[in-house]
Amino acid sequence: MDKIKIYLDTNTILDFFINEAKVIRNKEAVKIPNKFQFLTAKSNEIEFVTSILTKVEIARELVAAFGMKKHEIEPVWEQFMESLNCKFIERFDTDARHCLN
């Protein structure tokens, strides 16, 4: 049976990154969000996909709210991607000329 494909947008996964930022910045205990626990439990049934747009939005939030730097964000992003075996869309084609015909 084919896996269901689910796009992970910022609203879906931001809580995971906020919790990780709190661990890094405030030395708080690790708290795995219930939503993330569910996603990892279903990773054999679901194919996860996210994009550069989500990554940029997550990074913007972590920089603005927690003062994180790129070298701190990258390992957390990689951990997230690996834990869900998530596919990554690197670029979007925003050329709308094909819509004008």
PDB file of N, CA and C in Angstrom:
ATOM      1  N   MET A   1       0.835  -1.180   0.000  1.00  0.00           N
ATOM      2  CA  MET A   1       0.000   0.000   0.000  1.00  0.00           C
ATOM      3  C   MET A   1       0.883   1.249   0.000  1.00  0.00           C
ATOM      4  N   ASP A   2       0.520   2.229  -0.823  1.00  0.00           N
ATOM      5  CA  ASP A   2       1.269   3.484  -0.884  1.00  0.00           C
ATOM      6  C   ASP A   2       1.063   4.294   0.387  1.00  0.00           C
ATOM      7  N   LYS A   3       2.105   5.004   0.737  1.00  0.00           N
ATOM      8  CA  LYS A   3       2.013   5.888   1.901  1.00  0.00           C
ATOM      9  C   LYS A   3       1.205   7.130   1.544  1.00  0.00           C
ATOM     10  N   ILE A   4       0.545   7.683   2.528  1.00  0.00           N
ATOM     11  CA  ILE A   4      -0.135   8.963   2.391  1.00  0.00           C
ATOM     12  C   ILE A   4       0.940  10.042   2.443  1.00  0.00           C
ATOM     13  N   LYS A   5       0.860  11.039   1.567  1.00  0.00           N
ATOM     14  CA  LYS A   5       1.817  12.148   1.595  1.00  0.00           C
ATOM     15  C   LYS A   5       1.198  13.315   2.354  1.00  0.00           C
ATOM     16  N   ILE A   6       1.971  13.839   3.283  1.00  0.00           N
ATOM     17  CA  ILE A   6       1.515  14.990   4.067  1.00  0.00           C
ATOM     18  C   ILE A   6       2.587  16.066   4.028  1.00  0.00           C
ATOM     19  N   TYR A   7       2.145  17.280   3.670  1.00  0.00           N
ATOM     20  CA  TYR A   7       3.044  18.436   3.672  1.00  0.00           C
ATOM     21  C   TYR A   7       3.065  19.034   5.070  1.00  0.00           C
ATOM     22  N   LEU A   8       4.238  19.192   5.616  1.00  0.00           N
ATOM     23  CA  LEU A   8       4.405  19.770   6.949  1.00  0.00           C
ATOM     24  C   LEU A   8       4.692  21.259   6.808  1.00  0.00           C
ATOM     25  N   ASP A   9       3.696  22.065   7.138  1.00  0.00           N
ATOM     26  CA  ASP A   9       3.897  23.517   7.084  1.00  0.00           C
ATOM     27  C   ASP A   9       4.338  24.013   8.462  1.00  0.00           C
ATOM     28  N   THR A  10       4.617  25.292   8.540  1.00  0.00           N
ATOM     29  CA  THR A  10       5.140  25.878   9.773  1.00  0.00           C
ATOM     30  C   THR A  10       4.206  25.660  10.954  1.00  0.00           C
ATOM     31  N   ASN A  11       2.922  25.877  10.762  1.00  0.00           N
ATOM     32  CA  ASN A  11       1.967  25.735  11.863  1.00  0.00           C
ATOM     33  C   ASN A  11       1.922  24.314  12.407  1.00  0.00           C
ATOM     34  N   THR A  12       2.212  23.352  11.574  1.00  0.00           N
ATOM     35  CA  THR A  12       2.149  21.959  11.991  1.00  0.00           C
ATOM     36  C   THR A  12       3.346  21.561  12.848  1.00  0.00           C
ATOM     37  N   ILE A  13       4.510  22.131  12.581  1.00  0.00           N
ATOM     38  CA  ILE A  13       5.725  21.642  13.233  1.00  0.00           C
ATOM     39  C   ILE A  13       6.440  22.657  14.123  1.00  0.00           C
ATOM     40  N   LEU A  14       5.963  23.870  14.194  1.00  0.00           N
ATOM     41  CA  LEU A  14       6.661  24.915  14.945  1.00  0.00           C
ATOM     42  C   LEU A  14       6.862  24.550  16.409  1.00  0.00           C
ATOM     43  N   ASP A  15       5.899  23.888  17.035  1.00  0.00           N
ATOM     44  CA  ASP A  15       6.023  23.563  18.457  1.00  0.00           C
ATOM     45  C   ASP A  15       7.234  22.671  18.741  1.00  0.00           C
ATOM     46  N   PHE A  16       7.577  21.790  17.815  1.00  0.00           N
ATOM     47  CA  PHE A  16       8.781  20.969  17.988  1.00  0.00           C
ATOM     48  C   PHE A  16      10.014  21.867  18.098  1.00  0.00           C
ATOM     49  N   PHE A  17      10.119  22.841  17.209  1.00  0.00           N
ATOM     50  CA  PHE A  17      11.295  23.713  17.178  1.00  0.00           C
ATOM     51  C   PHE A  17      11.316  24.677  18.367  1.00  0.00           C
ATOM     52  N   ILE A  18      10.172  25.139  18.795  1.00  0.00           N
ATOM     53  CA  ILE A  18      10.106  26.000  19.983  1.00  0.00           C
ATOM     54  C   ILE A  18      10.594  25.234  21.206  1.00  0.00           C
ATOM     55  N   ASN A  19      10.152  23.996  21.339  1.00  0.00           N
ATOM     56  CA  ASN A  19      10.601  23.189  22.478  1.00  0.00           C
ATOM     57  C   ASN A  19      12.104  22.958  22.438  1.00  0.00           C
ATOM     58  N   GLU A  20      12.638  22.693  21.261  1.00  0.00           N
ATOM     59  CA  GLU A  20      14.091  22.501  21.131  1.00  0.00           C
ATOM     60  C   GLU A  20      14.845  23.794  21.446  1.00  0.00           C
ATOM     61  N   ALA A  21      14.303  24.924  21.021  1.00  0.00           N
ATOM     62  CA  ALA A  21      14.931  26.218  21.310  1.00  0.00           C
ATOM     63  C   ALA A  21      14.961  26.481  22.817  1.00  0.00           C
ATOM     64  N   LYS A  22      13.895  26.108  23.512  1.00  0.00           N
ATOM     65  CA  LYS A  22      13.854  26.280  24.968  1.00  0.00           C
ATOM     66  C   LYS A  22      14.905  25.422  25.659  1.00  0.00           C
ATOM     67  N   VAL A  23      15.140  24.241  25.122  1.00  0.00           N
ATOM     68  CA  VAL A  23      16.175  23.374  25.676  1.00  0.00           C
ATOM     69  C   VAL A  23      17.546  24.030  25.488  1.00  0.00           C
ATOM     70  N   ILE A  24      17.785  24.543  24.283  1.00  0.00           N
ATOM     71  CA  ILE A  24      19.086  25.143  23.971  1.00  0.00           C
ATOM     72  C   ILE A  24      19.291  26.451  24.727  1.00  0.00           C
ATOM     73  N   ARG A  25      18.318  27.328  24.698  1.00  0.00           N
ATOM     74  CA  ARG A  25      18.466  28.670  25.277  1.00  0.00           C
ATOM     75  C   ARG A  25      18.271  28.708  26.791  1.00  0.00           C
ATOM     76  N   ASN A  26      17.241  28.019  27.267  1.00  0.00           N
ATOM     77  CA  ASN A  26      16.867  28.146  28.670  1.00  0.00           C
ATOM     78  C   ASN A  26      17.244  26.924  29.504  1.00  0.00           C
ATOM     79  N   LYS A  27      17.905  25.954  28.854  1.00  0.00           N
ATOM     80  CA  LYS A  27      18.301  24.722  29.546  1.00  0.00           C
ATOM     81  C   LYS A  27      17.094  24.014  30.168  1.00  0.00           C
ATOM     82  N   GLU A  28      15.922  24.143  29.522  1.00  0.00           N
ATOM     83  CA  GLU A  28      14.723  23.448  30.001  1.00  0.00           C
ATOM     84  C   GLU A  28      14.812  21.975  29.642  1.00  0.00           C
ATOM     85  N   ALA A  29      14.052  21.175  30.354  1.00  0.00           N
ATOM     86  CA  ALA A  29      14.008  19.743  30.066  1.00  0.00           C
ATOM     87  C   ALA A  29      13.380  19.523  28.690  1.00  0.00           C
ATOM     88  N   VAL A  30      13.838  18.488  28.016  1.00  0.00           N
ATOM     89  CA  VAL A  30      13.303  18.163  26.696  1.00  0.00           C
ATOM     90  C   VAL A  30      11.845  17.749  26.831  1.00  0.00           C
ATOM     91  N   LYS A  31      11.008  18.357  26.000  1.00  0.00           N
ATOM     92  CA  LYS A  31       9.593  17.996  25.962  1.00  0.00           C
ATOM     93  C   LYS A  31       9.241  17.721  24.507  1.00  0.00           C
ATOM     94  N   ILE A  32       8.844  16.498  24.229  1.00  0.00           N
ATOM     95  CA  ILE A  32       8.462  16.127  22.869  1.00  0.00           C
ATOM     96  C   ILE A  32       6.967  16.378  22.723  1.00  0.00           C
ATOM     97  N   PRO A  33       6.564  17.270  21.804  1.00  0.00           N
ATOM     98  CA  PRO A  33       5.141  17.556  21.626  1.00  0.00           C
ATOM     99  C   PRO A  33       4.363  16.304  21.205  1.00  0.00           C
ATOM    100  N   ASN A  34       3.134  16.192  21.689  1.00  0.00           N
ATOM    101  CA  ASN A  34       2.283  15.055  21.349  1.00  0.00           C
ATOM    102  C   ASN A  34       2.130  14.898  19.843  1.00  0.00           C
ATOM    103  N   LYS A  35       2.007  16.015  19.153  1.00  0.00           N
ATOM    104  CA  LYS A  35       1.852  15.982  17.701  1.00  0.00           C
ATOM    105  C   LYS A  35       3.063  15.326  17.047  1.00  0.00           C
ATOM    106  N   PHE A  36       4.257  15.655  17.528  1.00  0.00           N
ATOM    107  CA  PHE A  36       5.468  15.077  16.967  1.00  0.00           C
ATOM    108  C   PHE A  36       5.562  13.591  17.303  1.00  0.00           C
ATOM    109  N   GLN A  37       5.149  13.209  18.496  1.00  0.00           N
ATOM    110  CA  GLN A  37       5.124  11.799  18.859  1.00  0.00           C
ATOM    111  C   GLN A  37       4.204  11.026  17.922  1.00  0.00           C
ATOM    112  N   PHE A  38       3.060  11.608  17.611  1.00  0.00           N
ATOM    113  CA  PHE A  38       2.121  10.983  16.685  1.00  0.00           C
ATOM    114  C   PHE A  38       2.748  10.831  15.299  1.00  0.00           C
ATOM    115  N   LEU A  39       3.390  11.896  14.812  1.00  0.00           N
ATOM    116  CA  LEU A  39       4.007  11.850  13.488  1.00  0.00           C
ATOM    117  C   LEU A  39       5.074  10.766  13.410  1.00  0.00           C
ATOM    118  N   THR A  40       5.916  10.678  14.410  1.00  0.00           N
ATOM    119  CA  THR A  40       6.965   9.656  14.375  1.00  0.00           C
ATOM    120  C   THR A  40       6.366   8.253  14.476  1.00  0.00           C
ATOM    121  N   ALA A  41       5.308   8.101  15.229  1.00  0.00           N
ATOM    122  CA  ALA A  41       4.656   6.796  15.345  1.00  0.00           C
ATOM    123  C   ALA A  41       4.030   6.357  14.022  1.00  0.00           C
ATOM    124  N   LYS A  42       3.627   7.306  13.209  1.00  0.00           N
ATOM    125  CA  LYS A  42       2.965   7.012  11.936  1.00  0.00           C
ATOM    126  C   LYS A  42       3.912   7.095  10.736  1.00  0.00           C
ATOM    127  N   SER A  43       5.204   7.262  10.979  1.00  0.00           N
ATOM    128  CA  SER A  43       6.132   7.477   9.864  1.00  0.00           C
ATOM    129  C   SER A  43       6.229   6.289   8.915  1.00  0.00           C
ATOM    130  N   ASN A  44       5.822   5.110   9.342  1.00  0.00           N
ATOM    131  CA  ASN A  44       5.813   3.975   8.423  1.00  0.00           C
ATOM    132  C   ASN A  44       4.588   3.979   7.517  1.00  0.00           C
ATOM    133  N   GLU A  45       3.600   4.816   7.833  1.00  0.00           N
ATOM    134  CA  GLU A  45       2.371   4.911   7.039  1.00  0.00           C
ATOM    135  C   GLU A  45       2.285   6.211   6.240  1.00  0.00           C
ATOM    136  N   ILE A  46       3.080   7.196   6.630  1.00  0.00           N
ATOM    137  CA  ILE A  46       2.971   8.532   6.047  1.00  0.00           C
ATOM    138  C   ILE A  46       4.309   8.957   5.460  1.00  0.00           C
ATOM    139  N   GLU A  47       4.263   9.544   4.275  1.00  0.00           N
ATOM    140  CA  GLU A  47       5.450  10.146   3.672  1.00  0.00           C
ATOM    141  C   GLU A  47       5.373  11.648   3.932  1.00  0.00           C
ATOM    142  N   PHE A  48       6.315  12.154   4.703  1.00  0.00           N
ATOM    143  CA  PHE A  48       6.323  13.562   5.069  1.00  0.00           C
ATOM    144  C   PHE A  48       7.132  14.369   4.066  1.00  0.00           C
ATOM    145  N   VAL A  49       6.627  15.560   3.764  1.00  0.00           N
ATOM    146  CA  VAL A  49       7.276  16.472   2.830  1.00  0.00           C
ATOM    147  C   VAL A  49       7.215  17.866   3.434  1.00  0.00           C
ATOM    148  N   THR A  50       8.304  18.600   3.318  1.00  0.00           N
ATOM    149  CA  THR A  50       8.306  20.006   3.696  1.00  0.00           C
ATOM    150  C   THR A  50       9.161  20.757   2.684  1.00  0.00           C
ATOM    151  N   SER A  51       9.348  22.053   2.912  1.00  0.00           N
ATOM    152  CA  SER A  51      10.029  22.843   1.883  1.00  0.00           C
ATOM    153  C   SER A  51      10.912  23.926   2.489  1.00  0.00           C
ATOM    154  N   ILE A  52      11.626  24.553   1.587  1.00  0.00           N
ATOM    155  CA  ILE A  52      12.470  25.693   1.954  1.00  0.00           C
ATOM    156  C   ILE A  52      11.629  26.810   2.566  1.00  0.00           C
ATOM    157  N   LEU A  53      10.394  26.943   2.134  1.00  0.00           N
ATOM    158  CA  LEU A  53       9.523  27.993   2.697  1.00  0.00           C
ATOM    159  C   LEU A  53       9.274  27.747   4.182  1.00  0.00           C
ATOM    160  N   THR A  54       8.986  26.508   4.531  1.00  0.00           N
ATOM    161  CA  THR A  54       8.764  26.176   5.935  1.00  0.00           C
ATOM    162  C   THR A  54      10.047  26.359   6.736  1.00  0.00           C
ATOM    163  N   LYS A  55      11.159  25.916   6.173  1.00  0.00           N
ATOM    164  CA  LYS A  55      12.441  26.045   6.873  1.00  0.00           C
ATOM    165  C   LYS A  55      12.763  27.513   7.168  1.00  0.00           C
ATOM    166  N   VAL A  56      12.522  28.374   6.202  1.00  0.00           N
ATOM    167  CA  VAL A  56      12.797  29.809   6.389  1.00  0.00           C
ATOM    168  C   VAL A  56      11.878  30.396   7.462  1.00  0.00           C
ATOM    169  N   GLU A  57      10.600  30.022   7.442  1.00  0.00           N
ATOM    170  CA  GLU A  57       9.673  30.534   8.454  1.00  0.00           C
ATOM    171  C   GLU A  57      10.058  30.054   9.852  1.00  0.00           C
ATOM    172  N   ILE A  58      10.443  28.797   9.961  1.00  0.00           N
ATOM    173  CA  ILE A  58      10.884  28.254  11.253  1.00  0.00           C
ATOM    174  C   ILE A  58      12.129  29.006  11.738  1.00  0.00           C
ATOM    175  N   ALA A  59      13.100  29.179  10.855  1.00  0.00           N
ATOM    176  CA  ALA A  59      14.337  29.874  11.219  1.00  0.00           C
ATOM    177  C   ALA A  59      14.045  31.307  11.648  1.00  0.00           C
ATOM    178  N   ARG A  60      13.172  31.995  10.925  1.00  0.00           N
ATOM    179  CA  ARG A  60      12.817  33.371  11.278  1.00  0.00           C
ATOM    180  C   ARG A  60      12.244  33.432  12.691  1.00  0.00           C
ATOM    181  N   GLU A  61      11.371  32.497  13.019  1.00  0.00           N
ATOM    182  CA  GLU A  61      10.767  32.456  14.352  1.00  0.00           C
ATOM    183  C   GLU A  61      11.819  32.175  15.428  1.00  0.00           C
ATOM    184  N   LEU A  62      12.706  31.249  15.167  1.00  0.00           N
ATOM    185  CA  LEU A  62      13.722  30.902  16.160  1.00  0.00           C
ATOM    186  C   LEU A  62      14.724  32.036  16.379  1.00  0.00           C
ATOM    187  N   VAL A  63      15.037  32.764  15.323  1.00  0.00           N
ATOM    188  CA  VAL A  63      15.932  33.913  15.453  1.00  0.00           C
ATOM    189  C   VAL A  63      15.227  35.039  16.210  1.00  0.00           C
ATOM    190  N   ALA A  64      14.005  35.361  15.805  1.00  0.00           N
ATOM    191  CA  ALA A  64      13.280  36.489  16.402  1.00  0.00           C
ATOM    192  C   ALA A  64      12.899  36.226  17.858  1.00  0.00           C
ATOM    193  N   ALA A  65      12.400  35.049  18.150  1.00  0.00           N
ATOM    194  CA  ALA A  65      11.881  34.778  19.495  1.00  0.00           C
ATOM    195  C   ALA A  65      12.943  34.277  20.470  1.00  0.00           C
ATOM    196  N   PHE A  66      13.970  33.600  19.950  1.00  0.00           N
ATOM    197  CA  PHE A  66      14.934  32.962  20.845  1.00  0.00           C
ATOM    198  C   PHE A  66      16.380  33.389  20.600  1.00  0.00           C
ATOM    199  N   GLY A  67      16.596  34.252  19.614  1.00  0.00           N
ATOM    200  CA  GLY A  67      17.943  34.726  19.337  1.00  0.00           C
ATOM    201  C   GLY A  67      18.892  33.644  18.858  1.00  0.00           C
ATOM    202  N   MET A  68      18.340  32.595  18.278  1.00  0.00           N
ATOM    203  CA  MET A  68      19.192  31.499  17.811  1.00  0.00           C
ATOM    204  C   MET A  68      19.963  31.906  16.564  1.00  0.00           C
ATOM    205  N   LYS A  69      21.093  31.270  16.379  1.00  0.00           N
ATOM    206  CA  LYS A  69      21.959  31.494  15.217  1.00  0.00           C
ATOM    207  C   LYS A  69      21.848  30.310  14.274  1.00  0.00           C
ATOM    208  N   LYS A  70      22.274  30.530  13.024  1.00  0.00           N
ATOM    209  CA  LYS A  70      22.181  29.490  12.003  1.00  0.00           C
ATOM    210  C   LYS A  70      22.854  28.194  12.454  1.00  0.00           C
ATOM    211  N   HIS A  71      24.032  28.298  13.063  1.00  0.00           N
ATOM    212  CA  HIS A  71      24.749  27.095  13.488  1.00  0.00           C
ATOM    213  C   HIS A  71      24.019  26.334  14.593  1.00  0.00           C
ATOM    214  N   GLU A  72      23.073  26.976  15.266  1.00  0.00           N
ATOM    215  CA  GLU A  72      22.258  26.302  16.277  1.00  0.00           C
ATOM    216  C   GLU A  72      20.997  25.698  15.664  1.00  0.00           C
ATOM    217  N   ILE A  73      20.483  26.351  14.645  1.00  0.00           N
ATOM    218  CA  ILE A  73      19.229  25.916  14.019  1.00  0.00           C
ATOM    219  C   ILE A  73      19.449  24.701  13.126  1.00  0.00           C
ATOM    220  N   GLU A  74      20.534  24.695  12.364  1.00  0.00           N
ATOM    221  CA  GLU A  74      20.781  23.620  11.393  1.00  0.00           C
ATOM    222  C   GLU A  74      20.747  22.219  12.008  1.00  0.00           C
ATOM    223  N   PRO A  75      21.420  21.972  13.127  1.00  0.00           N
ATOM    224  CA  PRO A  75      21.366  20.622  13.696  1.00  0.00           C
ATOM    225  C   PRO A  75      19.959  20.208  14.131  1.00  0.00           C
ATOM    226  N   VAL A  76      19.190  21.161  14.634  1.00  0.00           N
ATOM    227  CA  VAL A  76      17.817  20.862  15.049  1.00  0.00           C
ATOM    228  C   VAL A  76      16.973  20.530  13.819  1.00  0.00           C
ATOM    229  N   TRP A  77      17.157  21.296  12.740  1.00  0.00           N
ATOM    230  CA  TRP A  77      16.434  21.029  11.500  1.00  0.00           C
ATOM    231  C   TRP A  77      16.799  19.636  10.967  1.00  0.00           C
ATOM    232  N   GLU A  78      18.077  19.317  10.947  1.00  0.00           N
ATOM    233  CA  GLU A  78      18.523  18.007  10.451  1.00  0.00           C
ATOM    234  C   GLU A  78      17.960  16.873  11.297  1.00  0.00           C
ATOM    235  N   GLN A  79      17.961  17.058  12.604  1.00  0.00           N
ATOM    236  CA  GLN A  79      17.396  16.053  13.513  1.00  0.00           C
ATOM    237  C   GLN A  79      15.918  15.832  13.195  1.00  0.00           C
ATOM    238  N   PHE A  80      15.194  16.914  13.006  1.00  0.00           N
ATOM    239  CA  PHE A  80      13.778  16.830  12.678  1.00  0.00           C
ATOM    240  C   PHE A  80      13.565  16.069  11.371  1.00  0.00           C
ATOM    241  N   MET A  81      14.291  16.459  10.329  1.00  0.00           N
ATOM    242  CA  MET A  81      14.138  15.835   9.019  1.00  0.00           C
ATOM    243  C   MET A  81      14.458  14.343   9.063  1.00  0.00           C
ATOM    244  N   GLU A  82      15.528  13.992   9.741  1.00  0.00           N
ATOM    245  CA  GLU A  82      15.925  12.588   9.835  1.00  0.00           C
ATOM    246  C   GLU A  82      14.932  11.767  10.644  1.00  0.00           C
ATOM    247  N   SER A  83      14.405  12.342  11.707  1.00  0.00           N
ATOM    248  CA  SER A  83      13.501  11.583  12.575  1.00  0.00           C
ATOM    249  C   SER A  83      12.213  11.193  11.861  1.00  0.00           C
ATOM    250  N   LEU A  84      11.816  11.976  10.860  1.00  0.00           N
ATOM    251  CA  LEU A  84      10.603  11.662  10.096  1.00  0.00           C
ATOM    252  C   LEU A  84      10.911  11.152   8.696  1.00  0.00           C
ATOM    253  N   ASN A  85      12.183  11.025   8.371  1.00  0.00           N
ATOM    254  CA  ASN A  85      12.584  10.662   7.009  1.00  0.00           C
ATOM    255  C   ASN A  85      11.836  11.559   6.007  1.00  0.00           C
ATOM    256  N   CYS A  86      11.865  12.829   6.290  1.00  0.00           N
ATOM    257  CA  CYS A  86      11.081  13.837   5.561  1.00  0.00           C
ATOM    258  C   CYS A  86      11.773  14.235   4.261  1.00  0.00           C
ATOM    259  N   LYS A  87      10.999  14.304   3.211  1.00  0.00           N
ATOM    260  CA  LYS A  87      11.510  14.768   1.927  1.00  0.00           C
ATOM    261  C   LYS A  87      11.487  16.299   1.924  1.00  0.00           C
ATOM    262  N   PHE A  88      12.358  16.891   1.099  1.00  0.00           N
ATOM    263  CA  PHE A  88      12.532  18.342   1.132  1.00  0.00           C
ATOM    264  C   PHE A  88      12.414  18.931  -0.262  1.00  0.00           C
ATOM    265  N   ILE A  89      11.535  19.906  -0.419  1.00  0.00           N
ATOM    266  CA  ILE A  89      11.375  20.643  -1.675  1.00  0.00           C
ATOM    267  C   ILE A  89      12.270  21.872  -1.570  1.00  0.00           C
ATOM    268  N   GLU A  90      13.310  21.916  -2.388  1.00  0.00           N
ATOM    269  CA  GLU A  90      14.297  22.988  -2.272  1.00  0.00           C
ATOM    270  C   GLU A  90      13.896  24.285  -2.940  1.00  0.00           C
ATOM    271  N   ARG A  91      13.105  24.197  -4.002  1.00  0.00           N
ATOM    272  CA  ARG A  91      12.736  25.447  -4.687  1.00  0.00           C
ATOM    273  C   ARG A  91      11.375  25.293  -5.330  1.00  0.00           C
ATOM    274  N   PHE A  92      10.753  26.429  -5.546  1.00  0.00           N
ATOM    275  CA  PHE A  92       9.456  26.491  -6.197  1.00  0.00           C
ATOM    276  C   PHE A  92       9.596  27.261  -7.494  1.00  0.00           C
ATOM    277  N   ASP A  93       8.860  26.854  -8.485  1.00  0.00           N
ATOM    278  CA  ASP A  93       8.817  27.573  -9.747  1.00  0.00           C
ATOM    279  C   ASP A  93       7.622  28.524  -9.672  1.00  0.00           C
ATOM    280  N   THR A  94       7.909  29.801  -9.603  1.00  0.00           N
ATOM    281  CA  THR A  94       6.835  30.785  -9.489  1.00  0.00           C
ATOM    282  C   THR A  94       6.555  31.473 -10.818  1.00  0.00           C
ATOM    283  N   ASP A  95       7.024  30.871 -11.896  1.00  0.00           N
ATOM    284  CA  ASP A  95       6.793  31.421 -13.221  1.00  0.00           C
ATOM    285  C   ASP A  95       5.355  31.124 -13.635  1.00  0.00           C
ATOM    286  N   ALA A  96       4.512  32.141 -13.650  1.00  0.00           N
ATOM    287  CA  ALA A  96       3.099  31.975 -13.950  1.00  0.00           C
ATOM    288  C   ALA A  96       2.759  32.109 -15.423  1.00  0.00           C
ATOM    289  N   ARG A  97       3.762  32.231 -16.262  1.00  0.00           N
ATOM    290  CA  ARG A  97       3.482  32.397 -17.703  1.00  0.00           C
ATOM    291  C   ARG A  97       2.672  31.257 -18.265  1.00  0.00           C
ATOM    292  N   HIS A  98       2.878  30.056 -17.761  1.00  0.00           N
ATOM    293  CA  HIS A  98       2.136  28.915 -18.274  1.00  0.00           C
ATOM    294  C   HIS A  98       0.638  29.016 -17.971  1.00  0.00           C
ATOM    295  N   CYS A  99       0.267  29.842 -17.016  1.00  0.00           N
ATOM    296  CA  CYS A  99      -1.150  30.033 -16.674  1.00  0.00           C
ATOM    297  C   CYS A  99      -1.851  31.004 -17.615  1.00  0.00           C
ATOM    298  N   LEU A 100      -1.099  31.749 -18.385  1.00  0.00           N
ATOM    299  CA  LEU A 100      -1.685  32.774 -19.236  1.00  0.00           C
ATOM    300  C   LEU A 100      -2.158  32.236 -20.578  1.00  0.00           C
ATOM    301  N   ASN A 101      -1.816  31.051 -20.929  1.00  0.00           N
ATOM    302  CA  ASN A 101      -2.208  30.472 -22.233  1.00  0.00           C
ATOM    303  C   ASN A 101      -3.596  29.896 -22.194  1.00  0.00           C
TER     304      ASN A 101
END
